[in-house]
Amino acid sequence: MAPDTIEAYDGTEVEVDIVKPLSGGGARVELDAVDGGRWRLDVTSTGELSEIVTSWNSNDELADVPVPDWVDDVLLRLARA
């Protein structure tokens, strides 16, 4: 399945790819901000962030990159879809 693109409330374009469902409900998702970082996250079935699995910086290098403020909004919209 190809990733979907969502525009965050600040105008950032984010590619969203659902990697796999999780055994307790929820899913592992990858968010890739165009010209920005990338995050692989575990998300609950209600759209809440439960764990940052890994992250990459804008140079696509493995790095400890904090999640942006818009992540909660994007995850909540995914949960409602």
C-alpha atoms as a PDB file:
ATOM      1  CA  MET A   1       0.000   0.000   0.000  1.00  0.00           C
ATOM      2  CA  ALA A   2       1.398   3.407  -0.968  1.00  0.00           C
ATOM      3  CA  PRO A   3       1.638   6.057   1.750  1.00  0.00           C
ATOM      4  CA  ASP A   4      -1.074   8.718   1.985  1.00  0.00           C
ATOM      5  CA  THR A   5      -0.201  12.400   2.232  1.00  0.00           C
ATOM      6  CA  ILE A   6      -1.805  14.586   4.888  1.00  0.00           C
ATOM      7  CA  GLU A   7      -1.276  18.305   5.366  1.00  0.00           C
ATOM      8  CA  ALA A   8      -0.652  19.166   9.020  1.00  0.00           C
ATOM      9  CA  TYR A   9      -2.233  22.279  10.504  1.00  0.00           C
ATOM     10  CA  ASP A  10       1.013  24.243  10.040  1.00  0.00           C
ATOM     11  CA  GLY A  11       1.155  23.396   6.317  1.00  0.00           C
ATOM     12  CA  THR A  12       3.713  20.585   6.603  1.00  0.00           C
ATOM     13  CA  GLU A  13       3.049  17.780   4.128  1.00  0.00           C
ATOM     14  CA  VAL A  14       3.341  14.408   5.835  1.00  0.00           C
ATOM     15  CA  GLU A  15       3.442  11.015   4.157  1.00  0.00           C
ATOM     16  CA  VAL A  16       1.677   8.484   6.365  1.00  0.00           C
ATOM     17  CA  ASP A  17       2.341   4.773   6.004  1.00  0.00           C
ATOM     18  CA  ILE A  18       0.710   2.174   8.240  1.00  0.00           C
ATOM     19  CA  VAL A  19       3.486  -0.363   8.756  1.00  0.00           C
ATOM     20  CA  LYS A  20       1.536  -3.051  10.632  1.00  0.00           C
ATOM     21  CA  PRO A  21      -1.251  -3.587  13.160  1.00  0.00           C
ATOM     22  CA  LEU A  22      -0.167  -4.202  16.758  1.00  0.00           C
ATOM     23  CA  SER A  23      -1.311  -7.235  18.751  1.00  0.00           C
ATOM     24  CA  GLY A  24      -2.991  -5.213  21.513  1.00  0.00           C
ATOM     25  CA  GLY A  25      -4.802  -2.930  19.089  1.00  0.00           C
ATOM     26  CA  GLY A  26      -3.490   0.155  17.398  1.00  0.00           C
ATOM     27  CA  ALA A  27      -0.792   0.222  14.760  1.00  0.00           C
ATOM     28  CA  ARG A  28       2.811   1.004  13.952  1.00  0.00           C
ATOM     29  CA  VAL A  29       2.906   3.971  11.597  1.00  0.00           C
ATOM     30  CA  GLU A  30       5.604   5.887   9.813  1.00  0.00           C
ATOM     31  CA  LEU A  31       5.307   9.647   9.388  1.00  0.00           C
ATOM     32  CA  ASP A  32       7.635  11.278   6.882  1.00  0.00           C
ATOM     33  CA  ALA A  33       7.577  15.080   6.799  1.00  0.00           C
ATOM     34  CA  VAL A  34       8.436  16.391   3.340  1.00  0.00           C
ATOM     35  CA  ASP A  35      11.811  18.184   3.707  1.00  0.00           C
ATOM     36  CA  GLY A  36      11.860  17.183   7.386  1.00  0.00           C
ATOM     37  CA  GLY A  37      12.291  14.258   9.719  1.00  0.00           C
ATOM     38  CA  ARG A  38      10.755  10.794   9.741  1.00  0.00           C
ATOM     39  CA  TRP A  39       9.286   8.909  12.687  1.00  0.00           C
ATOM     40  CA  ARG A  40       8.169   5.323  13.226  1.00  0.00           C
ATOM     41  CA  LEU A  41       5.590   5.327  16.019  1.00  0.00           C
ATOM     42  CA  ASP A  42       3.385   2.898  17.894  1.00  0.00           C
ATOM     43  CA  VAL A  43      -0.109   4.332  18.170  1.00  0.00           C
ATOM     44  CA  THR A  44      -3.123   3.194  20.204  1.00  0.00           C
ATOM     45  CA  SER A  45      -6.463   2.437  18.568  1.00  0.00           C
ATOM     46  CA  THR A  46      -7.707   5.834  19.790  1.00  0.00           C
ATOM     47  CA  GLY A  47      -4.891   7.663  17.978  1.00  0.00           C
ATOM     48  CA  GLU A  48      -2.634   8.354  20.953  1.00  0.00           C
ATOM     49  CA  LEU A  49       1.141   8.053  20.644  1.00  0.00           C
ATOM     50  CA  SER A  50       2.316   5.181  22.842  1.00  0.00           C
ATOM     51  CA  GLU A  51       5.968   4.860  21.780  1.00  0.00           C
ATOM     52  CA  ILE A  52       8.543   6.415  19.478  1.00  0.00           C
ATOM     53  CA  VAL A  53      10.117   3.358  17.870  1.00  0.00           C
ATOM     54  CA  THR A  54      12.781   5.222  15.885  1.00  0.00           C
ATOM     55  CA  SER A  55      13.386   8.515  14.119  1.00  0.00           C
ATOM     56  CA  TRP A  56      15.499   9.958  11.339  1.00  0.00           C
ATOM     57  CA  ASN A  57      16.624  13.527  10.697  1.00  0.00           C
ATOM     58  CA  SER A  58      16.068  15.498   7.476  1.00  0.00           C
ATOM     59  CA  ASN A  59      19.257  13.932   6.010  1.00  0.00           C
ATOM     60  CA  ASP A  60      17.648  10.483   6.512  1.00  0.00           C
ATOM     61  CA  GLU A  61      20.179   9.629   9.221  1.00  0.00           C
ATOM     62  CA  LEU A  62      19.096   7.681  12.281  1.00  0.00           C
ATOM     63  CA  ALA A  63      18.804  10.321  15.029  1.00  0.00           C
ATOM     64  CA  ASP A  64      16.921  11.182  18.201  1.00  0.00           C
ATOM     65  CA  VAL A  65      14.480  13.662  16.657  1.00  0.00           C
ATOM     66  CA  PRO A  66      11.647  14.956  18.854  1.00  0.00           C
ATOM     67  CA  VAL A  67       8.169  14.590  17.392  1.00  0.00           C
ATOM     68  CA  PRO A  68       6.667  17.869  16.169  1.00  0.00           C
ATOM     69  CA  ASP A  69       3.555  19.418  17.724  1.00  0.00           C
ATOM     70  CA  TRP A  70       1.421  18.440  14.715  1.00  0.00           C
ATOM     71  CA  VAL A  71       1.900  14.679  15.279  1.00  0.00           C
ATOM     72  CA  ASP A  72      -0.988  14.395  17.753  1.00  0.00           C
ATOM     73  CA  ASP A  73      -3.344  16.068  15.275  1.00  0.00           C
ATOM     74  CA  VAL A  74      -2.271  13.796  12.397  1.00  0.00           C
ATOM     75  CA  LEU A  75      -2.609  10.647  14.542  1.00  0.00           C
ATOM     76  CA  LEU A  76      -6.058  11.674  15.777  1.00  0.00           C
ATOM     77  CA  ARG A  77      -7.223  12.239  12.184  1.00  0.00           C
ATOM     78  CA  LEU A  78      -5.907   8.792  11.227  1.00  0.00           C
ATOM     79  CA  ALA A  79      -7.805   7.176  14.105  1.00  0.00           C
ATOM     80  CA  ARG A  80     -11.038   8.778  12.879  1.00  0.00           C
ATOM     81  CA  ALA A  81     -10.539   7.638   9.277  1.00  0.00           C
END
